[in-house]
N, C-alpha and C. Protein backbone atom coordinates (compact mmCIF):
# COMPACT_ATOMS: atom_id res chain seq x y z
N MET A 1 2.94 -20.23 -31.46
CA MET A 1 2.23 -19.02 -31.11
C MET A 1 2.76 -18.51 -29.77
N THR A 2 3.06 -17.24 -29.72
CA THR A 2 3.57 -16.62 -28.51
C THR A 2 2.54 -15.64 -27.96
N LEU A 3 2.25 -15.80 -26.68
CA LEU A 3 1.33 -14.87 -26.02
C LEU A 3 2.14 -13.84 -25.25
N THR A 4 1.74 -12.61 -25.37
CA THR A 4 2.41 -11.55 -24.61
C THR A 4 1.45 -11.02 -23.56
N VAL A 5 1.97 -10.89 -22.36
CA VAL A 5 1.17 -10.33 -21.28
C VAL A 5 1.60 -8.88 -21.10
N GLN A 6 0.64 -8.00 -21.20
CA GLN A 6 0.95 -6.58 -21.07
C GLN A 6 0.58 -6.11 -19.67
N GLU A 7 1.49 -5.40 -19.06
CA GLU A 7 1.22 -4.83 -17.74
C GLU A 7 0.21 -3.71 -17.86
N VAL A 8 -0.68 -3.64 -16.89
CA VAL A 8 -1.67 -2.56 -16.86
C VAL A 8 -1.45 -1.77 -15.58
N TRP A 9 -1.11 -0.50 -15.74
CA TRP A 9 -0.91 0.39 -14.60
C TRP A 9 -2.12 1.30 -14.49
N GLU A 10 -2.67 1.42 -13.30
CA GLU A 10 -3.82 2.29 -13.07
C GLU A 10 -3.40 3.53 -12.30
N THR A 11 -3.82 4.68 -12.78
CA THR A 11 -3.57 5.93 -12.07
C THR A 11 -4.53 5.99 -10.89
N VAL A 12 -3.97 6.24 -9.69
CA VAL A 12 -4.83 6.30 -8.50
C VAL A 12 -5.00 7.72 -7.98
N CYS A 13 -3.99 8.57 -8.18
CA CYS A 13 -4.09 9.96 -7.75
C CYS A 13 -2.85 10.72 -8.22
N ARG A 14 -2.85 12.00 -7.95
CA ARG A 14 -1.66 12.82 -8.22
C ARG A 14 -0.78 12.78 -6.96
N TYR A 15 0.51 12.86 -7.15
CA TYR A 15 1.45 12.84 -6.02
C TYR A 15 1.10 13.94 -5.02
N SER A 16 0.74 15.11 -5.51
CA SER A 16 0.42 16.24 -4.63
C SER A 16 -0.85 16.01 -3.82
N ASP A 17 -1.69 15.04 -4.23
CA ASP A 17 -2.90 14.73 -3.47
C ASP A 17 -2.60 13.93 -2.20
N LEU A 18 -1.44 13.29 -2.16
CA LEU A 18 -1.07 12.47 -1.01
C LEU A 18 -0.36 13.32 0.04
N LEU A 19 -0.95 13.42 1.20
CA LEU A 19 -0.29 14.10 2.31
C LEU A 19 0.64 13.11 2.99
N PRO A 20 1.83 13.55 3.39
CA PRO A 20 2.76 12.62 4.05
C PRO A 20 2.11 11.96 5.27
N GLU A 21 2.26 10.66 5.32
CA GLU A 21 1.80 9.81 6.42
C GLU A 21 0.30 9.85 6.66
N ARG A 22 -0.46 10.13 5.59
CA ARG A 22 -1.93 10.07 5.63
C ARG A 22 -2.38 9.10 4.53
N PRO A 23 -2.56 7.82 4.85
CA PRO A 23 -2.95 6.85 3.83
C PRO A 23 -4.29 7.21 3.18
N VAL A 24 -4.44 6.80 1.92
CA VAL A 24 -5.71 6.98 1.22
C VAL A 24 -6.14 5.64 0.63
N ALA A 25 -7.44 5.51 0.43
CA ALA A 25 -7.99 4.29 -0.16
C ALA A 25 -8.12 4.46 -1.67
N ALA A 26 -7.94 3.37 -2.38
CA ALA A 26 -8.11 3.36 -3.84
C ALA A 26 -8.55 1.96 -4.26
N LEU A 27 -9.14 1.88 -5.43
CA LEU A 27 -9.47 0.58 -6.02
C LEU A 27 -8.57 0.39 -7.23
N VAL A 28 -7.88 -0.73 -7.27
CA VAL A 28 -7.04 -1.06 -8.42
C VAL A 28 -7.48 -2.44 -8.91
N ASP A 29 -7.96 -2.46 -10.12
CA ASP A 29 -8.46 -3.70 -10.71
C ASP A 29 -9.53 -4.33 -9.80
N GLY A 30 -10.34 -3.47 -9.17
CA GLY A 30 -11.41 -3.92 -8.29
C GLY A 30 -10.99 -4.31 -6.89
N GLU A 31 -9.70 -4.20 -6.60
CA GLU A 31 -9.18 -4.57 -5.28
C GLU A 31 -8.92 -3.32 -4.44
N PRO A 32 -9.41 -3.30 -3.19
CA PRO A 32 -9.16 -2.14 -2.34
C PRO A 32 -7.71 -2.14 -1.85
N ILE A 33 -7.07 -0.98 -1.98
CA ILE A 33 -5.68 -0.85 -1.52
C ILE A 33 -5.54 0.42 -0.69
N ALA A 34 -4.43 0.49 0.02
CA ALA A 34 -4.06 1.70 0.76
C ALA A 34 -2.81 2.25 0.11
N VAL A 35 -2.83 3.53 -0.22
CA VAL A 35 -1.68 4.20 -0.84
C VAL A 35 -1.11 5.15 0.21
N VAL A 36 0.20 5.06 0.40
CA VAL A 36 0.86 5.81 1.48
C VAL A 36 2.07 6.56 0.93
N ARG A 37 2.17 7.82 1.32
CA ARG A 37 3.37 8.63 1.05
C ARG A 37 4.04 8.89 2.40
N THR A 38 5.32 8.56 2.49
CA THR A 38 6.05 8.78 3.74
C THR A 38 6.71 10.16 3.72
N TYR A 39 7.20 10.58 4.88
CA TYR A 39 7.82 11.90 4.96
C TYR A 39 9.05 12.04 4.06
N ASP A 40 9.71 10.92 3.74
CA ASP A 40 10.88 11.02 2.86
C ASP A 40 10.47 11.08 1.38
N GLY A 41 9.15 11.05 1.10
CA GLY A 41 8.66 11.19 -0.27
C GLY A 41 8.37 9.90 -0.99
N ALA A 42 8.71 8.75 -0.37
CA ALA A 42 8.45 7.46 -1.01
C ALA A 42 6.95 7.17 -0.99
N VAL A 43 6.49 6.42 -2.00
CA VAL A 43 5.08 6.05 -2.10
C VAL A 43 4.98 4.53 -2.14
N TYR A 44 4.02 4.01 -1.38
CA TYR A 44 3.80 2.56 -1.27
C TYR A 44 2.32 2.27 -1.48
N ALA A 45 2.03 1.04 -1.92
CA ALA A 45 0.65 0.58 -2.03
C ALA A 45 0.58 -0.83 -1.46
N VAL A 46 -0.36 -1.03 -0.54
CA VAL A 46 -0.55 -2.33 0.08
C VAL A 46 -2.04 -2.65 0.10
N ALA A 47 -2.37 -3.90 0.35
CA ALA A 47 -3.77 -4.31 0.46
C ALA A 47 -4.46 -3.52 1.56
N ALA A 48 -5.71 -3.19 1.34
CA ALA A 48 -6.49 -2.42 2.32
C ALA A 48 -7.07 -3.29 3.41
N VAL A 49 -7.18 -4.59 3.14
CA VAL A 49 -7.81 -5.50 4.10
C VAL A 49 -6.78 -5.99 5.11
N ASP A 50 -7.06 -5.75 6.38
CA ASP A 50 -6.20 -6.21 7.48
C ASP A 50 -6.36 -7.72 7.59
N PRO A 51 -5.30 -8.50 7.40
CA PRO A 51 -5.43 -9.96 7.44
C PRO A 51 -5.75 -10.50 8.83
N ASP A 52 -5.58 -9.70 9.86
CA ASP A 52 -5.86 -10.16 11.22
C ASP A 52 -7.34 -10.08 11.57
N CYS A 53 -8.07 -9.14 10.94
CA CYS A 53 -9.50 -9.00 11.28
C CYS A 53 -10.41 -9.09 10.07
N GLY A 54 -9.85 -9.01 8.85
CA GLY A 54 -10.66 -9.15 7.64
C GLY A 54 -11.41 -7.90 7.20
N ALA A 55 -11.16 -6.78 7.86
CA ALA A 55 -11.83 -5.53 7.49
C ALA A 55 -10.89 -4.64 6.67
N ALA A 56 -11.45 -3.87 5.76
CA ALA A 56 -10.66 -2.98 4.90
C ALA A 56 -10.37 -1.68 5.65
N VAL A 57 -9.51 -1.76 6.64
CA VAL A 57 -9.22 -0.62 7.52
C VAL A 57 -7.82 -0.02 7.35
N MET A 58 -6.98 -0.64 6.54
CA MET A 58 -5.60 -0.17 6.44
C MET A 58 -5.48 1.27 5.92
N PRO A 59 -6.39 1.77 5.06
CA PRO A 59 -6.29 3.18 4.67
C PRO A 59 -6.51 4.14 5.85
N ARG A 60 -6.97 3.63 6.97
CA ARG A 60 -7.14 4.45 8.18
C ARG A 60 -6.04 4.19 9.20
N GLY A 61 -5.01 3.47 8.76
CA GLY A 61 -3.92 3.10 9.66
C GLY A 61 -2.98 4.25 9.96
N ILE A 62 -2.05 3.96 10.86
CA ILE A 62 -1.06 4.93 11.29
C ILE A 62 0.26 4.60 10.61
N VAL A 63 0.88 5.60 9.99
CA VAL A 63 2.16 5.41 9.32
C VAL A 63 3.27 5.73 10.30
N GLY A 64 4.28 4.89 10.30
CA GLY A 64 5.39 5.12 11.22
C GLY A 64 6.65 4.44 10.74
N ASP A 65 7.50 4.10 11.69
CA ASP A 65 8.82 3.55 11.40
C ASP A 65 9.16 2.56 12.51
N ARG A 66 9.66 1.40 12.13
CA ARG A 66 10.13 0.41 13.10
C ARG A 66 11.55 0.05 12.71
N GLY A 67 12.50 0.58 13.44
CA GLY A 67 13.91 0.27 13.17
C GLY A 67 14.34 0.63 11.77
N GLY A 68 13.86 1.74 11.26
CA GLY A 68 14.24 2.18 9.92
C GLY A 68 13.35 1.64 8.81
N VAL A 69 12.40 0.79 9.15
CA VAL A 69 11.48 0.22 8.16
C VAL A 69 10.16 0.99 8.22
N PRO A 70 9.70 1.56 7.08
CA PRO A 70 8.41 2.25 7.09
C PRO A 70 7.29 1.24 7.30
N VAL A 71 6.36 1.57 8.20
CA VAL A 71 5.28 0.64 8.52
C VAL A 71 3.93 1.33 8.46
N LEU A 72 2.91 0.49 8.28
CA LEU A 72 1.53 0.91 8.38
C LEU A 72 0.92 0.08 9.50
N ILE A 73 0.39 0.76 10.51
CA ILE A 73 -0.14 0.08 11.69
C ILE A 73 -1.66 0.03 11.59
N SER A 74 -2.20 -1.16 11.73
CA SER A 74 -3.64 -1.35 11.65
C SER A 74 -4.35 -0.62 12.78
N PRO A 75 -5.45 0.06 12.45
CA PRO A 75 -6.20 0.74 13.51
C PRO A 75 -7.01 -0.24 14.37
N MET A 76 -7.12 -1.50 13.95
CA MET A 76 -7.92 -2.47 14.70
C MET A 76 -7.11 -3.09 15.85
N TYR A 77 -6.10 -3.89 15.51
CA TYR A 77 -5.35 -4.62 16.53
C TYR A 77 -3.92 -4.10 16.70
N LYS A 78 -3.62 -3.00 16.01
CA LYS A 78 -2.32 -2.33 16.13
C LYS A 78 -1.15 -3.17 15.63
N GLN A 79 -1.41 -4.09 14.68
CA GLN A 79 -0.32 -4.85 14.07
C GLN A 79 0.45 -3.92 13.13
N ALA A 80 1.78 -4.00 13.15
CA ALA A 80 2.63 -3.17 12.29
C ALA A 80 3.08 -3.97 11.08
N TYR A 81 2.77 -3.46 9.88
CA TYR A 81 3.12 -4.11 8.62
C TYR A 81 4.15 -3.28 7.87
N SER A 82 5.20 -3.95 7.40
CA SER A 82 6.22 -3.28 6.58
C SER A 82 5.59 -2.81 5.28
N LEU A 83 5.81 -1.54 4.93
CA LEU A 83 5.33 -1.03 3.65
C LEU A 83 6.18 -1.54 2.49
N VAL A 84 7.37 -2.03 2.80
CA VAL A 84 8.29 -2.53 1.77
C VAL A 84 7.96 -3.97 1.38
N THR A 85 7.78 -4.84 2.39
CA THR A 85 7.57 -6.27 2.12
C THR A 85 6.16 -6.74 2.41
N GLY A 86 5.38 -5.98 3.19
CA GLY A 86 4.05 -6.40 3.60
C GLY A 86 4.04 -7.27 4.84
N GLU A 87 5.21 -7.72 5.25
CA GLU A 87 5.34 -8.62 6.41
C GLU A 87 4.87 -7.93 7.70
N CYS A 88 4.14 -8.68 8.52
CA CYS A 88 3.73 -8.16 9.82
C CYS A 88 4.91 -8.28 10.78
N LEU A 89 5.30 -7.18 11.37
CA LEU A 89 6.47 -7.17 12.25
C LEU A 89 6.11 -7.49 13.70
N THR A 90 4.82 -7.53 14.01
CA THR A 90 4.41 -7.77 15.38
C THR A 90 3.69 -9.09 15.60
N LYS A 91 3.25 -9.72 14.53
CA LYS A 91 2.57 -11.02 14.64
C LYS A 91 2.99 -11.88 13.45
N PRO A 92 4.00 -12.72 13.65
CA PRO A 92 4.51 -13.55 12.55
C PRO A 92 3.41 -14.36 11.87
N GLY A 93 3.55 -14.49 10.57
CA GLY A 93 2.59 -15.26 9.79
C GLY A 93 1.57 -14.42 9.06
N LEU A 94 1.44 -13.15 9.44
CA LEU A 94 0.52 -12.25 8.76
C LEU A 94 1.29 -11.41 7.75
N ALA A 95 0.62 -11.02 6.67
CA ALA A 95 1.25 -10.16 5.68
C ALA A 95 0.18 -9.47 4.84
N LEU A 96 0.53 -8.29 4.38
CA LEU A 96 -0.30 -7.55 3.42
C LEU A 96 0.31 -7.73 2.03
N ALA A 97 -0.53 -7.82 1.01
CA ALA A 97 -0.02 -7.83 -0.36
C ALA A 97 0.56 -6.45 -0.65
N VAL A 98 1.72 -6.43 -1.30
CA VAL A 98 2.38 -5.19 -1.68
C VAL A 98 2.23 -5.04 -3.20
N HIS A 99 1.86 -3.84 -3.63
CA HIS A 99 1.63 -3.58 -5.05
C HIS A 99 2.71 -2.63 -5.59
N PRO A 100 3.28 -2.95 -6.75
CA PRO A 100 4.27 -2.06 -7.35
C PRO A 100 3.66 -0.68 -7.66
N VAL A 101 4.44 0.35 -7.40
CA VAL A 101 4.02 1.74 -7.60
C VAL A 101 5.04 2.44 -8.49
N ARG A 102 4.56 3.34 -9.34
CA ARG A 102 5.47 4.17 -10.13
C ARG A 102 4.87 5.55 -10.29
N MET A 103 5.75 6.50 -10.60
CA MET A 103 5.34 7.88 -10.89
C MET A 103 5.44 8.09 -12.39
N VAL A 104 4.38 8.64 -12.96
CA VAL A 104 4.38 9.04 -14.37
C VAL A 104 3.99 10.50 -14.37
N GLY A 105 4.97 11.35 -14.58
CA GLY A 105 4.72 12.78 -14.45
C GLY A 105 4.40 13.08 -13.00
N ALA A 106 3.24 13.64 -12.76
CA ALA A 106 2.81 13.96 -11.40
C ALA A 106 1.83 12.94 -10.85
N GLU A 107 1.60 11.86 -11.60
CA GLU A 107 0.60 10.87 -11.20
C GLU A 107 1.21 9.63 -10.59
N ILE A 108 0.50 9.08 -9.60
CA ILE A 108 0.88 7.82 -8.96
C ILE A 108 0.12 6.71 -9.67
N GLN A 109 0.84 5.69 -10.11
CA GLN A 109 0.21 4.55 -10.74
C GLN A 109 0.57 3.28 -9.98
N VAL A 110 -0.41 2.37 -9.93
CA VAL A 110 -0.22 1.08 -9.27
C VAL A 110 -0.46 -0.01 -10.29
N LEU A 111 0.38 -1.05 -10.25
CA LEU A 111 0.26 -2.16 -11.18
C LEU A 111 -0.99 -2.97 -10.87
N ALA A 112 -1.89 -3.08 -11.82
CA ALA A 112 -3.11 -3.86 -11.65
C ALA A 112 -2.75 -5.35 -11.58
N GLY A 113 -3.35 -6.04 -10.64
CA GLY A 113 -3.06 -7.47 -10.50
C GLY A 113 -1.69 -7.74 -9.93
N GLY A 114 -0.99 -6.68 -9.51
CA GLY A 114 0.38 -6.85 -9.00
C GLY A 114 0.33 -7.14 -7.58
């Protein structure tokens, strides 16, 4: 017997709803995430909970760039997290979960459980 696991993608918003460098909050499979569109048009999804303080504040973070790497900076302790890898660039050992994102037509979808 072979079991197949099917990926489930959840639509979180339309691409046009995302303003560049203004993160938004969404729930994907019951998990709070932050969805970010950068000025170059790329879209990222990371965990909303700041691992340094335990509060779901990342959707209120500041989007920027550290040496060519797009980052989301926590509004609490100002830790900078890579939007690509989730790695904290200012405090080693911390990381945000990164969720796969895709565009389907004009909609942004995030992989549930990803």
